[in-house]
């Protein structure tokens, strides 16, 4: 389930990124900005999603912290920019979906901790 969310978020970013560059006059992509700063943000989020897709859990603590900071930053910025009418709808949705997917994987727990909790529960029961 976790990999599916990451994959769909990555596909959304790639779709919007290539669509804005290749088909700027299409009415669907009028809802996304074609400026270079948005393209760089899409590339950064796509890179973080690829790193999350390639690595297997449990990921290193620093990778999770960095991914969490990027997810929180992109999510807060997306909501704030949308609220003040500075970001278009398709950009806002794609950034939010990616931020949520990255944030969910940044909050993963180590399997050993879950095994300890479940074994203690079996002993106590």
PDB file of N, CA and C in Angstrom:
ATOM      1  N   UNK A   1       0.827  -1.196   0.000  1.00  0.00           N
ATOM      2  CA  UNK A   1       0.000   0.000   0.000  1.00  0.00           C
ATOM      3  C   UNK A   1       0.864   1.249   0.000  1.00  0.00           C
ATOM      4  N   UNK A   2       1.958   1.236   0.779  1.00  0.00           N
ATOM      5  CA  UNK A   2       2.825   2.396   0.862  1.00  0.00           C
ATOM      6  C   UNK A   2       3.512   2.686  -0.465  1.00  0.00           C
ATOM      7  N   UNK A   3       3.962   1.658  -1.149  1.00  0.00           N
ATOM      8  CA  UNK A   3       4.622   1.842  -2.441  1.00  0.00           C
ATOM      9  C   UNK A   3       3.626   2.324  -3.501  1.00  0.00           C
ATOM     10  N   UNK A   4       2.379   1.899  -3.401  1.00  0.00           N
ATOM     11  CA  UNK A   4       1.371   2.334  -4.359  1.00  0.00           C
ATOM     12  C   UNK A   4       1.122   3.834  -4.236  1.00  0.00           C
ATOM     13  N   UNK A   5       1.032   4.326  -3.025  1.00  0.00           N
ATOM     14  CA  UNK A   5       0.831   5.754  -2.805  1.00  0.00           C
ATOM     15  C   UNK A   5       2.009   6.559  -3.334  1.00  0.00           C
ATOM     16  N   UNK A   6       3.211   6.079  -3.111  1.00  0.00           N
ATOM     17  CA  UNK A   6       4.399   6.753  -3.630  1.00  0.00           C
ATOM     18  C   UNK A   6       4.432   6.735  -5.151  1.00  0.00           C
ATOM     19  N   UNK A   7       4.089   5.596  -5.734  1.00  0.00           N
ATOM     20  CA  UNK A   7       4.112   5.466  -7.188  1.00  0.00           C
ATOM     21  C   UNK A   7       3.071   6.367  -7.846  1.00  0.00           C
ATOM     22  N   UNK A   8       1.866   6.403  -7.295  1.00  0.00           N
ATOM     23  CA  UNK A   8       0.825   7.258  -7.872  1.00  0.00           C
ATOM     24  C   UNK A   8       1.160   8.738  -7.730  1.00  0.00           C
ATOM     25  N   UNK A   9       1.770   9.121  -6.630  1.00  0.00           N
ATOM     26  CA  UNK A   9       2.199  10.510  -6.453  1.00  0.00           C
ATOM     27  C   UNK A   9       3.292  10.868  -7.447  1.00  0.00           C
ATOM     28  N   UNK A  10       4.222   9.943  -7.652  1.00  0.00           N
ATOM     29  CA  UNK A  10       5.285  10.171  -8.631  1.00  0.00           C
ATOM     30  C   UNK A  10       4.706  10.320 -10.036  1.00  0.00           C
ATOM     31  N   UNK A  11       3.762   9.458 -10.379  1.00  0.00           N
ATOM     32  CA  UNK A  11       3.137   9.541 -11.703  1.00  0.00           C
ATOM     33  C   UNK A  11       2.377  10.851 -11.877  1.00  0.00           C
ATOM     34  N   UNK A  12       1.747  11.330 -10.829  1.00  0.00           N
ATOM     35  CA  UNK A  12       1.039  12.608 -10.885  1.00  0.00           C
ATOM     36  C   UNK A  12       2.005  13.756 -11.155  1.00  0.00           C
ATOM     37  N   UNK A  13       3.129  13.771 -10.452  1.00  0.00           N
ATOM     38  CA  UNK A  13       4.123  14.826 -10.672  1.00  0.00           C
ATOM     39  C   UNK A  13       4.717  14.766 -12.075  1.00  0.00           C
ATOM     40  N   UNK A  14       5.004  13.567 -12.549  1.00  0.00           N
ATOM     41  CA  UNK A  14       5.561  13.416 -13.896  1.00  0.00           C
ATOM     42  C   UNK A  14       4.540  13.846 -14.942  1.00  0.00           C
ATOM     43  N   UNK A  15       3.284  13.482 -14.756  1.00  0.00           N
ATOM     44  CA  UNK A  15       2.229  13.861 -15.690  1.00  0.00           C
ATOM     45  C   UNK A  15       2.096  15.377 -15.772  1.00  0.00           C
ATOM     46  N   UNK A  16       2.042  16.028 -14.639  1.00  0.00           N
ATOM     47  CA  UNK A  16       1.901  17.482 -14.626  1.00  0.00           C
ATOM     48  C   UNK A  16       3.158  18.147 -15.181  1.00  0.00           C
ATOM     49  N   UNK A  17       4.326  17.649 -14.783  1.00  0.00           N
ATOM     50  CA  UNK A  17       5.579  18.242 -15.251  1.00  0.00           C
ATOM     51  C   UNK A  17       5.758  18.163 -16.759  1.00  0.00           C
ATOM     52  N   UNK A  18       5.549  16.977 -17.318  1.00  0.00           N
ATOM     53  CA  UNK A  18       5.680  16.833 -18.771  1.00  0.00           C
ATOM     54  C   UNK A  18       4.531  17.505 -19.514  1.00  0.00           C
ATOM     55  N   UNK A  19       3.350  17.461 -18.950  1.00  0.00           N
ATOM     56  CA  UNK A  19       2.206  18.084 -19.609  1.00  0.00           C
ATOM     57  C   UNK A  19       2.341  19.585 -19.735  1.00  0.00           C
ATOM     58  N   UNK A  20       2.863  20.223 -18.711  1.00  0.00           N
ATOM     59  CA  UNK A  20       3.040  21.675 -18.749  1.00  0.00           C
ATOM     60  C   UNK A  20       4.097  22.059 -19.776  1.00  0.00           C
ATOM     61  N   UNK A  21       5.146  21.228 -19.895  1.00  0.00           N
ATOM     62  CA  UNK A  21       6.215  21.542 -20.842  1.00  0.00           C
ATOM     63  C   UNK A  21       5.806  21.221 -22.278  1.00  0.00           C
ATOM     64  N   UNK A  22       5.204  20.062 -22.487  1.00  0.00           N
ATOM     65  CA  UNK A  22       4.900  19.616 -23.849  1.00  0.00           C
ATOM     66  C   UNK A  22       3.587  20.169 -24.401  1.00  0.00           C
ATOM     67  N   UNK A  23       2.593  20.355 -23.552  1.00  0.00           N
ATOM     68  CA  UNK A  23       1.273  20.800 -24.005  1.00  0.00           C
ATOM     69  C   UNK A  23       0.795  22.019 -23.214  1.00  0.00           C
ATOM     70  N   UNK A  24       1.464  23.146 -23.315  1.00  0.00           N
ATOM     71  CA  UNK A  24       1.073  24.301 -22.490  1.00  0.00           C
ATOM     72  C   UNK A  24      -0.266  24.916 -22.904  1.00  0.00           C
ATOM     73  N   UNK A  25      -0.700  24.665 -24.139  1.00  0.00           N
ATOM     74  CA  UNK A  25      -1.961  25.256 -24.598  1.00  0.00           C
ATOM     75  C   UNK A  25      -3.176  24.358 -24.346  1.00  0.00           C
ATOM     76  N   UNK A  26      -2.954  23.168 -23.830  1.00  0.00           N
ATOM     77  CA  UNK A  26      -4.056  22.279 -23.493  1.00  0.00           C
ATOM     78  C   UNK A  26      -4.811  22.860 -22.298  1.00  0.00           C
ATOM     79  N   UNK A  27      -6.127  22.785 -22.340  1.00  0.00           N
ATOM     80  CA  UNK A  27      -6.928  23.423 -21.296  1.00  0.00           C
ATOM     81  C   UNK A  27      -6.748  22.778 -19.924  1.00  0.00           C
ATOM     82  N   UNK A  28      -6.347  21.523 -19.866  1.00  0.00           N
ATOM     83  CA  UNK A  28      -6.100  20.881 -18.575  1.00  0.00           C
ATOM     84  C   UNK A  28      -4.900  21.527 -17.886  1.00  0.00           C
ATOM     85  N   UNK A  29      -3.879  21.845 -18.648  1.00  0.00           N
ATOM     86  CA  UNK A  29      -2.649  22.373 -18.068  1.00  0.00           C
ATOM     87  C   UNK A  29      -2.678  23.878 -17.882  1.00  0.00           C
ATOM     88  N   UNK A  30      -3.802  24.521 -18.157  1.00  0.00           N
ATOM     89  CA  UNK A  30      -3.968  25.919 -17.768  1.00  0.00           C
ATOM     90  C   UNK A  30      -4.054  26.030 -16.251  1.00  0.00           C
ATOM     91  N   UNK A  31      -4.378  24.925 -15.580  1.00  0.00           N
ATOM     92  CA  UNK A  31      -4.485  24.912 -14.126  1.00  0.00           C
ATOM     93  C   UNK A  31      -3.153  24.643 -13.435  1.00  0.00           C
ATOM     94  N   UNK A  32      -2.060  24.589 -14.205  1.00  0.00           N
ATOM     95  CA  UNK A  32      -0.726  24.375 -13.637  1.00  0.00           C
ATOM     96  C   UNK A  32       0.222  25.418 -14.206  1.00  0.00           C
ATOM     97  N   UNK A  33       1.145  25.840 -13.385  1.00  0.00           N
ATOM     98  CA  UNK A  33       2.104  26.861 -13.797  1.00  0.00           C
ATOM     99  C   UNK A  33       3.281  26.208 -14.507  1.00  0.00           C
ATOM    100  N   UNK A  34       3.745  26.871 -15.549  1.00  0.00           N
ATOM    101  CA  UNK A  34       4.888  26.366 -16.298  1.00  0.00           C
ATOM    102  C   UNK A  34       6.186  27.056 -15.946  1.00  0.00           C
ATOM    103  N   UNK A  35       6.205  27.842 -14.877  1.00  0.00           N
ATOM    104  CA  UNK A  35       7.429  28.568 -14.525  1.00  0.00           C
ATOM    105  C   UNK A  35       8.503  27.594 -14.040  1.00  0.00           C
ATOM    106  N   UNK A  36       9.736  28.052 -14.118  1.00  0.00           N
ATOM    107  CA  UNK A  36      10.856  27.154 -13.816  1.00  0.00           C
ATOM    108  C   UNK A  36      10.927  26.786 -12.335  1.00  0.00           C
ATOM    109  N   UNK A  37      10.505  27.679 -11.440  1.00  0.00           N
ATOM    110  CA  UNK A  37      10.571  27.352 -10.017  1.00  0.00           C
ATOM    111  C   UNK A  37       9.628  26.191  -9.677  1.00  0.00           C
ATOM    112  N   UNK A  38       8.454  26.166 -10.302  1.00  0.00           N
ATOM    113  CA  UNK A  38       7.530  25.057 -10.072  1.00  0.00           C
ATOM    114  C   UNK A  38       8.082  23.764 -10.661  1.00  0.00           C
ATOM    115  N   UNK A  39       8.769  23.853 -11.791  1.00  0.00           N
ATOM    116  CA  UNK A  39       9.370  22.661 -12.374  1.00  0.00           C
ATOM    117  C   UNK A  39      10.469  22.117 -11.457  1.00  0.00           C
ATOM    118  N   UNK A  40      11.259  23.001 -10.869  1.00  0.00           N
ATOM    119  CA  UNK A  40      12.314  22.544  -9.961  1.00  0.00           C
ATOM    120  C   UNK A  40      11.726  21.915  -8.699  1.00  0.00           C
ATOM    121  N   UNK A  41      10.636  22.465  -8.211  1.00  0.00           N
ATOM    122  CA  UNK A  41       9.984  21.876  -7.032  1.00  0.00           C
ATOM    123  C   UNK A  41       9.400  20.512  -7.382  1.00  0.00           C
ATOM    124  N   UNK A  42       8.806  20.385  -8.568  1.00  0.00           N
ATOM    125  CA  UNK A  42       8.306  19.076  -9.009  1.00  0.00           C
ATOM    126  C   UNK A  42       9.447  18.066  -9.095  1.00  0.00           C
ATOM    127  N   UNK A  43      10.592  18.502  -9.631  1.00  0.00           N
ATOM    128  CA  UNK A  43      11.745  17.604  -9.747  1.00  0.00           C
ATOM    129  C   UNK A  43      12.265  17.190  -8.378  1.00  0.00           C
ATOM    130  N   UNK A  44      12.315  18.126  -7.434  1.00  0.00           N
ATOM    131  CA  UNK A  44      12.772  17.792  -6.079  1.00  0.00           C
ATOM    132  C   UNK A  44      11.835  16.788  -5.414  1.00  0.00           C
ATOM    133  N   UNK A  45      10.529  17.035  -5.508  1.00  0.00           N
ATOM    134  CA  UNK A  45       9.573  16.106  -4.908  1.00  0.00           C
ATOM    135  C   UNK A  45       9.615  14.739  -5.596  1.00  0.00           C
ATOM    136  N   UNK A  46       9.795  14.744  -6.924  1.00  0.00           N
ATOM    137  CA  UNK A  46       9.899  13.471  -7.643  1.00  0.00           C
ATOM    138  C   UNK A  46      11.167  12.719  -7.229  1.00  0.00           C
ATOM    139  N   UNK A  47      12.257  13.444  -7.003  1.00  0.00           N
ATOM    140  CA  UNK A  47      13.489  12.805  -6.554  1.00  0.00           C
ATOM    141  C   UNK A  47      13.306  12.178  -5.175  1.00  0.00           C
ATOM    142  N   UNK A  48      12.652  12.888  -4.271  1.00  0.00           N
ATOM    143  CA  UNK A  48      12.406  12.333  -2.934  1.00  0.00           C
ATOM    144  C   UNK A  48      11.496  11.110  -3.034  1.00  0.00           C
ATOM    145  N   UNK A  49      10.503  11.162  -3.909  1.00  0.00           N
ATOM    146  CA  UNK A  49       9.619  10.005  -4.091  1.00  0.00           C
ATOM    147  C   UNK A  49      10.377   8.807  -4.658  1.00  0.00           C
ATOM    148  N   UNK A  50      11.293   9.048  -5.590  1.00  0.00           N
ATOM    149  CA  UNK A  50      12.089   7.946  -6.149  1.00  0.00           C
ATOM    150  C   UNK A  50      12.989   7.342  -5.079  1.00  0.00           C
ATOM    151  N   UNK A  51      13.582   8.195  -4.234  1.00  0.00           N
ATOM    152  CA  UNK A  51      14.407   7.678  -3.139  1.00  0.00           C
ATOM    153  C   UNK A  51      13.561   6.828  -2.196  1.00  0.00           C
ATOM    154  N   UNK A  52      12.348   7.275  -1.916  1.00  0.00           N
ATOM    155  CA  UNK A  52      11.456   6.501  -1.051  1.00  0.00           C
ATOM    156  C   UNK A  52      11.039   5.188  -1.720  1.00  0.00           C
ATOM    157  N   UNK A  53      10.863   5.214  -3.042  1.00  0.00           N
ATOM    158  CA  UNK A  53      10.479   3.995  -3.751  1.00  0.00           C
ATOM    159  C   UNK A  53      11.627   2.985  -3.823  1.00  0.00           C
ATOM    160  N   UNK A  54      12.852   3.468  -3.979  1.00  0.00           N
ATOM    161  CA  UNK A  54      14.000   2.581  -4.168  1.00  0.00           C
ATOM    162  C   UNK A  54      14.462   1.966  -2.856  1.00  0.00           C
ATOM    163  N   UNK A  55      14.470   2.743  -1.792  1.00  0.00           N
ATOM    164  CA  UNK A  55      14.953   2.217  -0.516  1.00  0.00           C
ATOM    165  C   UNK A  55      13.874   1.383   0.159  1.00  0.00           C
ATOM    166  N   UNK A  56      14.325   0.428   0.945  1.00  0.00           N
ATOM    167  CA  UNK A  56      13.389  -0.448   1.649  1.00  0.00           C
ATOM    168  C   UNK A  56      13.295  -0.026   3.106  1.00  0.00           C
ATOM    169  N   UNK A  57      12.118  -0.150   3.684  1.00  0.00           N
ATOM    170  CA  UNK A  57      11.996   0.167   5.109  1.00  0.00           C
ATOM    171  C   UNK A  57      12.692  -0.889   5.946  1.00  0.00           C
ATOM    172  N   UNK A  58      13.193  -0.609   7.084  1.00  0.00           N
ATOM    173  CA  UNK A  58      13.246   0.686   7.756  1.00  0.00           C
ATOM    174  C   UNK A  58      14.370   1.540   7.182  1.00  0.00           C
ATOM    175  N   UNK A  59      14.036   2.759   6.811  1.00  0.00           N
ATOM    176  CA  UNK A  59      15.015   3.687   6.267  1.00  0.00           C
ATOM    177  C   UNK A  59      15.808   4.323   7.403  1.00  0.00           C
ATOM    178  N   UNK A  60      16.945   4.879   7.049  1.00  0.00           N
ATOM    179  CA  UNK A  60      17.793   5.534   8.039  1.00  0.00           C
ATOM    180  C   UNK A  60      17.061   6.741   8.619  1.00  0.00           C
ATOM    181  N   UNK A  61      17.374   7.062   9.857  1.00  0.00           N
ATOM    182  CA  UNK A  61      16.684   8.145  10.565  1.00  0.00           C
ATOM    183  C   UNK A  61      16.852   9.473   9.842  1.00  0.00           C
ATOM    184  N   UNK A  62      18.056   9.738   9.325  1.00  0.00           N
ATOM    185  CA  UNK A  62      18.285  11.025   8.663  1.00  0.00           C
ATOM    186  C   UNK A  62      17.524  11.129   7.351  1.00  0.00           C
ATOM    187  N   UNK A  63      17.358  10.055   6.645  1.00  0.00           N
ATOM    188  CA  UNK A  63      16.545  10.075   5.412  1.00  0.00           C
ATOM    189  C   UNK A  63      15.096  10.381   5.765  1.00  0.00           C
ATOM    190  N   UNK A  64      14.606   9.782   6.842  1.00  0.00           N
ATOM    191  CA  UNK A  64      13.228  10.038   7.261  1.00  0.00           C
ATOM    192  C   UNK A  64      13.037  11.455   7.749  1.00  0.00           C
ATOM    193  N   UNK A  65      14.027  11.998   8.488  1.00  0.00           N
ATOM    194  CA  UNK A  65      13.920  13.376   8.973  1.00  0.00           C
ATOM    195  C   UNK A  65      13.925  14.349   7.803  1.00  0.00           C
ATOM    196  N   UNK A  66      14.842  14.157   6.850  1.00  0.00           N
ATOM    197  CA  UNK A  66      14.909  15.029   5.684  1.00  0.00           C
ATOM    198  C   UNK A  66      13.633  14.942   4.855  1.00  0.00           C
ATOM    199  N   UNK A  67      13.116  13.733   4.666  1.00  0.00           N
ATOM    200  CA  UNK A  67      11.871  13.564   3.916  1.00  0.00           C
ATOM    201  C   UNK A  67      10.705  14.223   4.648  1.00  0.00           C
ATOM    202  N   UNK A  68      10.679  14.113   5.967  1.00  0.00           N
ATOM    203  CA  UNK A  68       9.622  14.750   6.741  1.00  0.00           C
ATOM    204  C   UNK A  68       9.663  16.262   6.654  1.00  0.00           C
ATOM    205  N   UNK A  69      10.859  16.834   6.716  1.00  0.00           N
ATOM    206  CA  UNK A  69      10.991  18.295   6.601  1.00  0.00           C
ATOM    207  C   UNK A  69      10.551  18.764   5.226  1.00  0.00           C
ATOM    208  N   UNK A  70      10.940  18.043   4.182  1.00  0.00           N
ATOM    209  CA  UNK A  70      10.526  18.406   2.819  1.00  0.00           C
ATOM    210  C   UNK A  70       9.013  18.271   2.672  1.00  0.00           C
ATOM    211  N   UNK A  71       8.444  17.221   3.231  1.00  0.00           N
ATOM    212  CA  UNK A  71       6.993  17.013   3.134  1.00  0.00           C
ATOM    213  C   UNK A  71       6.226  18.114   3.862  1.00  0.00           C
ATOM    214  N   UNK A  72       6.654  18.449   5.069  1.00  0.00           N
ATOM    215  CA  UNK A  72       5.961  19.495   5.823  1.00  0.00           C
ATOM    216  C   UNK A  72       6.118  20.845   5.133  1.00  0.00           C
ATOM    217  N   UNK A  73       7.330  21.135   4.666  1.00  0.00           N
ATOM    218  CA  UNK A  73       7.566  22.406   3.982  1.00  0.00           C
ATOM    219  C   UNK A  73       6.743  22.550   2.717  1.00  0.00           C
ATOM    220  N   UNK A  74       6.734  21.509   1.889  1.00  0.00           N
ATOM    221  CA  UNK A  74       5.973  21.570   0.637  1.00  0.00           C
ATOM    222  C   UNK A  74       4.473  21.617   0.904  1.00  0.00           C
ATOM    223  N   UNK A  75       4.005  20.881   1.900  1.00  0.00           N
ATOM    224  CA  UNK A  75       2.576  20.880   2.209  1.00  0.00           C
ATOM    225  C   UNK A  75       2.091  22.216   2.744  1.00  0.00           C
ATOM    226  N   UNK A  76       2.838  22.783   3.685  1.00  0.00           N
ATOM    227  CA  UNK A  76       2.450  24.075   4.260  1.00  0.00           C
ATOM    228  C   UNK A  76       2.522  25.165   3.206  1.00  0.00           C
ATOM    229  N   UNK A  77       3.590  25.151   2.414  1.00  0.00           N
ATOM    230  CA  UNK A  77       3.722  26.158   1.357  1.00  0.00           C
ATOM    231  C   UNK A  77       2.605  26.039   0.320  1.00  0.00           C
ATOM    232  N   UNK A  78       2.250  24.822  -0.019  1.00  0.00           N
ATOM    233  CA  UNK A  78       1.189  24.607  -1.002  1.00  0.00           C
ATOM    234  C   UNK A  78      -0.156  25.119  -0.490  1.00  0.00           C
ATOM    235  N   UNK A  79      -0.476  24.811   0.742  1.00  0.00           N
ATOM    236  CA  UNK A  79      -1.747  25.279   1.311  1.00  0.00           C
ATOM    237  C   UNK A  79      -1.757  26.796   1.430  1.00  0.00           C
ATOM    238  N   UNK A  80      -0.650  27.363   1.902  1.00  0.00           N
ATOM    239  CA  UNK A  80      -0.581  28.810   2.074  1.00  0.00           C
ATOM    240  C   UNK A  80      -0.649  29.543   0.730  1.00  0.00           C
ATOM    241  N   UNK A  81       0.065  29.049  -0.268  1.00  0.00           N
ATOM    242  CA  UNK A  81       0.064  29.695  -1.581  1.00  0.00           C
ATOM    243  C   UNK A  81      -1.287  29.541  -2.279  1.00  0.00           C
ATOM    244  N   UNK A  82      -1.952  28.434  -2.070  1.00  0.00           N
ATOM    245  CA  UNK A  82      -3.278  28.249  -2.654  1.00  0.00           C
ATOM    246  C   UNK A  82      -4.283  29.165  -1.984  1.00  0.00           C
ATOM    247  N   UNK A  83      -4.173  29.301  -0.680  1.00  0.00           N
ATOM    248  CA  UNK A  83      -5.093  30.158   0.074  1.00  0.00           C
ATOM    249  C   UNK A  83      -4.959  31.624  -0.336  1.00  0.00           C
ATOM    250  N   UNK A  84      -3.749  32.048  -0.673  1.00  0.00           N
ATOM    251  CA  UNK A  84      -3.546  33.436  -1.076  1.00  0.00           C
ATOM    252  C   UNK A  84      -3.594  33.620  -2.600  1.00  0.00           C
ATOM    253  N   UNK A  85      -4.101  32.647  -3.329  1.00  0.00           N
ATOM    254  CA  UNK A  85      -4.275  32.686  -4.787  1.00  0.00           C
ATOM    255  C   UNK A  85      -2.968  32.904  -5.544  1.00  0.00           C
ATOM    256  N   UNK A  86      -1.883  32.322  -5.074  1.00  0.00           N
ATOM    257  CA  UNK A  86      -0.617  32.420  -5.782  1.00  0.00           C
ATOM    258  C   UNK A  86      -0.259  31.126  -6.506  1.00  0.00           C
ATOM    259  N   UNK A  87      -0.978  30.052  -6.200  1.00  0.00           N
ATOM    260  CA  UNK A  87      -0.698  28.762  -6.823  1.00  0.00           C
ATOM    261  C   UNK A  87      -1.957  28.256  -7.507  1.00  0.00           C
ATOM    262  N   UNK A  88      -1.761  27.688  -8.686  1.00  0.00           N
ATOM    263  CA  UNK A  88      -2.893  27.149  -9.429  1.00  0.00           C
ATOM    264  C   UNK A  88      -3.318  25.793  -8.866  1.00  0.00           C
ATOM    265  N   UNK A  89      -4.521  25.378  -9.228  1.00  0.00           N
ATOM    266  CA  UNK A  89      -5.153  24.213  -8.611  1.00  0.00           C
ATOM    267  C   UNK A  89      -4.396  22.906  -8.855  1.00  0.00           C
ATOM    268  N   UNK A  90      -3.982  22.655 -10.079  1.00  0.00           N
ATOM    269  CA  UNK A  90      -3.311  21.392 -10.386  1.00  0.00           C
ATOM    270  C   UNK A  90      -1.958  21.296  -9.682  1.00  0.00           C
ATOM    271  N   UNK A  91      -1.256  22.422  -9.584  1.00  0.00           N
ATOM    272  CA  UNK A  91      -0.008  22.437  -8.822  1.00  0.00           C
ATOM    273  C   UNK A  91      -0.276  22.155  -7.353  1.00  0.00           C
ATOM    274  N   UNK A  92      -1.285  22.787  -6.821  1.00  0.00           N
ATOM    275  CA  UNK A  92      -1.607  22.611  -5.407  1.00  0.00           C
ATOM    276  C   UNK A  92      -1.943  21.164  -5.098  1.00  0.00           C
ATOM    277  N   UNK A  93      -2.763  20.554  -5.908  1.00  0.00           N
ATOM    278  CA  UNK A  93      -3.153  19.164  -5.662  1.00  0.00           C
ATOM    279  C   UNK A  93      -1.971  18.210  -5.805  1.00  0.00           C
ATOM    280  N   UNK A  94      -1.149  18.409  -6.823  1.00  0.00           N
ATOM    281  CA  UNK A  94      -0.012  17.502  -7.012  1.00  0.00           C
ATOM    282  C   UNK A  94       1.017  17.656  -5.898  1.00  0.00           C
ATOM    283  N   UNK A  95       1.263  18.876  -5.442  1.00  0.00           N
ATOM    284  CA  UNK A  95       2.208  19.080  -4.341  1.00  0.00           C
ATOM    285  C   UNK A  95       1.662  18.516  -3.036  1.00  0.00           C
ATOM    286  N   UNK A  96       0.366  18.683  -2.798  1.00  0.00           N
ATOM    287  CA  UNK A  96      -0.221  18.148  -1.562  1.00  0.00           C
ATOM    288  C   UNK A  96      -0.202  16.624  -1.534  1.00  0.00           C
ATOM    289  N   UNK A  97      -0.541  16.006  -2.649  1.00  0.00           N
ATOM    290  CA  UNK A  97      -0.532  14.545  -2.714  1.00  0.00           C
ATOM    291  C   UNK A  97       0.881  14.019  -2.486  1.00  0.00           C
ATOM    292  N   UNK A  98       1.856  14.654  -3.103  1.00  0.00           N
ATOM    293  CA  UNK A  98       3.241  14.222  -2.924  1.00  0.00           C
ATOM    294  C   UNK A  98       3.703  14.442  -1.484  1.00  0.00           C
ATOM    295  N   UNK A  99       3.325  15.559  -0.894  1.00  0.00           N
ATOM    296  CA  UNK A  99       3.707  15.831   0.494  1.00  0.00           C
ATOM    297  C   UNK A  99       3.110  14.803   1.445  1.00  0.00           C
ATOM    298  N   UNK A 100       1.873  14.443   1.219  1.00  0.00           N
ATOM    299  CA  UNK A 100       1.228  13.443   2.070  1.00  0.00           C
ATOM    300  C   UNK A 100       1.911  12.081   1.910  1.00  0.00           C
ATOM    301  N   UNK A 101       2.215  11.697   0.670  1.00  0.00           N
ATOM    302  CA  UNK A 101       2.869  10.406   0.443  1.00  0.00           C
ATOM    303  C   UNK A 101       4.251  10.360   1.078  1.00  0.00           C
ATOM    304  N   UNK A 102       5.013  11.439   0.937  1.00  0.00           N
ATOM    305  CA  UNK A 102       6.348  11.484   1.533  1.00  0.00           C
ATOM    306  C   UNK A 102       6.239  11.506   3.057  1.00  0.00           C
ATOM    307  N   UNK A 103       5.284  12.252   3.581  1.00  0.00           N
ATOM    308  CA  UNK A 103       5.100  12.331   5.027  1.00  0.00           C
ATOM    309  C   UNK A 103       4.705  11.011   5.648  1.00  0.00           C
ATOM    310  N   UNK A 104       3.867  10.255   4.963  1.00  0.00           N
ATOM    311  CA  UNK A 104       3.442   8.955   5.488  1.00  0.00           C
ATOM    312  C   UNK A 104       4.634   8.000   5.571  1.00  0.00           C
ATOM    313  N   UNK A 105       5.486   8.007   4.559  1.00  0.00           N
ATOM    314  CA  UNK A 105       6.636   7.111   4.614  1.00  0.00           C
ATOM    315  C   UNK A 105       7.700   7.617   5.589  1.00  0.00           C
ATOM    316  N   UNK A 106       7.724   8.911   5.859  1.00  0.00           N
ATOM    317  CA  UNK A 106       8.678   9.437   6.841  1.00  0.00           C
ATOM    318  C   UNK A 106       8.283   9.053   8.262  1.00  0.00           C
ATOM    319  N   UNK A 107       7.028   8.731   8.486  1.00  0.00           N
ATOM    320  CA  UNK A 107       6.546   8.371   9.820  1.00  0.00           C
ATOM    321  C   UNK A 107       6.589   6.877  10.107  1.00  0.00           C
ATOM    322  N   UNK A 108       7.276   6.102   9.267  1.00  0.00           N
ATOM    323  CA  UNK A 108       7.304   4.652   9.453  1.00  0.00           C
ATOM    324  C   UNK A 108       7.997   4.284  10.754  1.00  0.00           C
ATOM    325  N   UNK A 109       7.659   3.150  11.250  1.00  0.00           N
ATOM    326  CA  UNK A 109       8.278   2.632  12.472  1.00  0.00           C
ATOM    327  C   UNK A 109       9.171   1.476  12.124  1.00  0.00           C
ATOM    328  N   UNK A 110      10.068   1.192  13.022  1.00  0.00           N
ATOM    329  CA  UNK A 110      10.953   0.047  12.816  1.00  0.00           C
ATOM    330  C   UNK A 110      10.189  -1.234  13.113  1.00  0.00           C
ATOM    331  N   UNK A 111      10.367  -2.280  12.301  1.00  0.00           N
ATOM    332  CA  UNK A 111       9.646  -3.528  12.541  1.00  0.00           C
ATOM    333  C   UNK A 111       9.985  -4.175  13.879  1.00  0.00           C
ATOM    334  N   UNK A 112      11.220  -4.003  14.372  1.00  0.00           N
ATOM    335  CA  UNK A 112      11.594  -4.621  15.639  1.00  0.00           C
ATOM    336  C   UNK A 112      10.776  -4.051  16.789  1.00  0.00           C
ATOM    337  N   UNK A 113      10.477  -2.775  16.728  1.00  0.00           N
ATOM    338  CA  UNK A 113       9.663  -2.159  17.767  1.00  0.00           C
ATOM    339  C   UNK A 113       8.253  -2.750  17.755  1.00  0.00           C
ATOM    340  N   UNK A 114       7.723  -2.967  16.571  1.00  0.00           N
ATOM    341  CA  UNK A 114       6.388  -3.560  16.479  1.00  0.00           C
ATOM    342  C   UNK A 114       6.396  -5.004  16.983  1.00  0.00           C
ATOM    343  N   UNK A 115       7.477  -5.738  16.687  1.00  0.00           N
ATOM    344  CA  UNK A 115       7.569  -7.106  17.177  1.00  0.00           C
ATOM    345  C   UNK A 115       7.660  -7.141  18.699  1.00  0.00           C
ATOM    346  N   UNK A 116       8.404  -6.201  19.265  1.00  0.00           N
ATOM    347  CA  UNK A 116       8.508  -6.132  20.721  1.00  0.00           C
ATOM    348  C   UNK A 116       7.162  -5.841  21.350  1.00  0.00           C
ATOM    349  N   UNK A 117       6.445  -4.910  20.755  1.00  0.00           N
ATOM    350  CA  UNK A 117       5.136  -4.555  21.323  1.00  0.00           C
ATOM    351  C   UNK A 117       4.163  -5.720  21.210  1.00  0.00           C
ATOM    352  N   UNK A 118       4.186  -6.419  20.073  1.00  0.00           N
ATOM    353  CA  UNK A 118       3.248  -7.528  19.907  1.00  0.00           C
ATOM    354  C   UNK A 118       3.640  -8.704  20.801  1.00  0.00           C
ATOM    355  N   UNK A 119       4.938  -8.944  21.011  1.00  0.00           N
ATOM    356  CA  UNK A 119       5.335 -10.046  21.884  1.00  0.00           C
ATOM    357  C   UNK A 119       5.002  -9.731  23.338  1.00  0.00           C
ATOM    358  N   UNK A 120       5.159  -8.470  23.758  1.00  0.00           N
ATOM    359  CA  UNK A 120       4.775  -8.093  25.120  1.00  0.00           C
ATOM    360  C   UNK A 120       3.273  -8.246  25.305  1.00  0.00           C
ATOM    361  N   UNK A 121       2.539  -7.916  24.274  1.00  0.00           N
ATOM    362  CA  UNK A 121       1.087  -8.041  24.376  1.00  0.00           C
ATOM    363  C   UNK A 121       0.677  -9.504  24.523  1.00  0.00           C
ATOM    364  N   UNK A 122       1.359 -10.397  23.818  1.00  0.00           N
ATOM    365  CA  UNK A 122       1.025 -11.822  23.915  1.00  0.00           C
ATOM    366  C   UNK A 122       1.388 -12.370  25.298  1.00  0.00           C
ATOM    367  N   UNK A 123       2.487 -11.879  25.859  1.00  0.00           N
ATOM    368  CA  UNK A 123       2.899 -12.342  27.178  1.00  0.00           C
ATOM    369  C   UNK A 123       1.910 -11.849  28.221  1.00  0.00           C
ATOM    370  N   UNK A 124       1.471 -10.616  28.106  1.00  0.00           N
ATOM    371  CA  UNK A 124       0.559 -10.062  29.077  1.00  0.00           C
ATOM    372  C   UNK A 124      -0.853 -10.651  28.968  1.00  0.00           C
ATOM    373  N   UNK A 125      -1.214 -11.114  27.799  1.00  0.00           N
ATOM    374  CA  UNK A 125      -2.589 -11.609  27.612  1.00  0.00           C
ATOM    375  C   UNK A 125      -2.801 -13.014  28.114  1.00  0.00           C
TER     376      UNK A 125
END
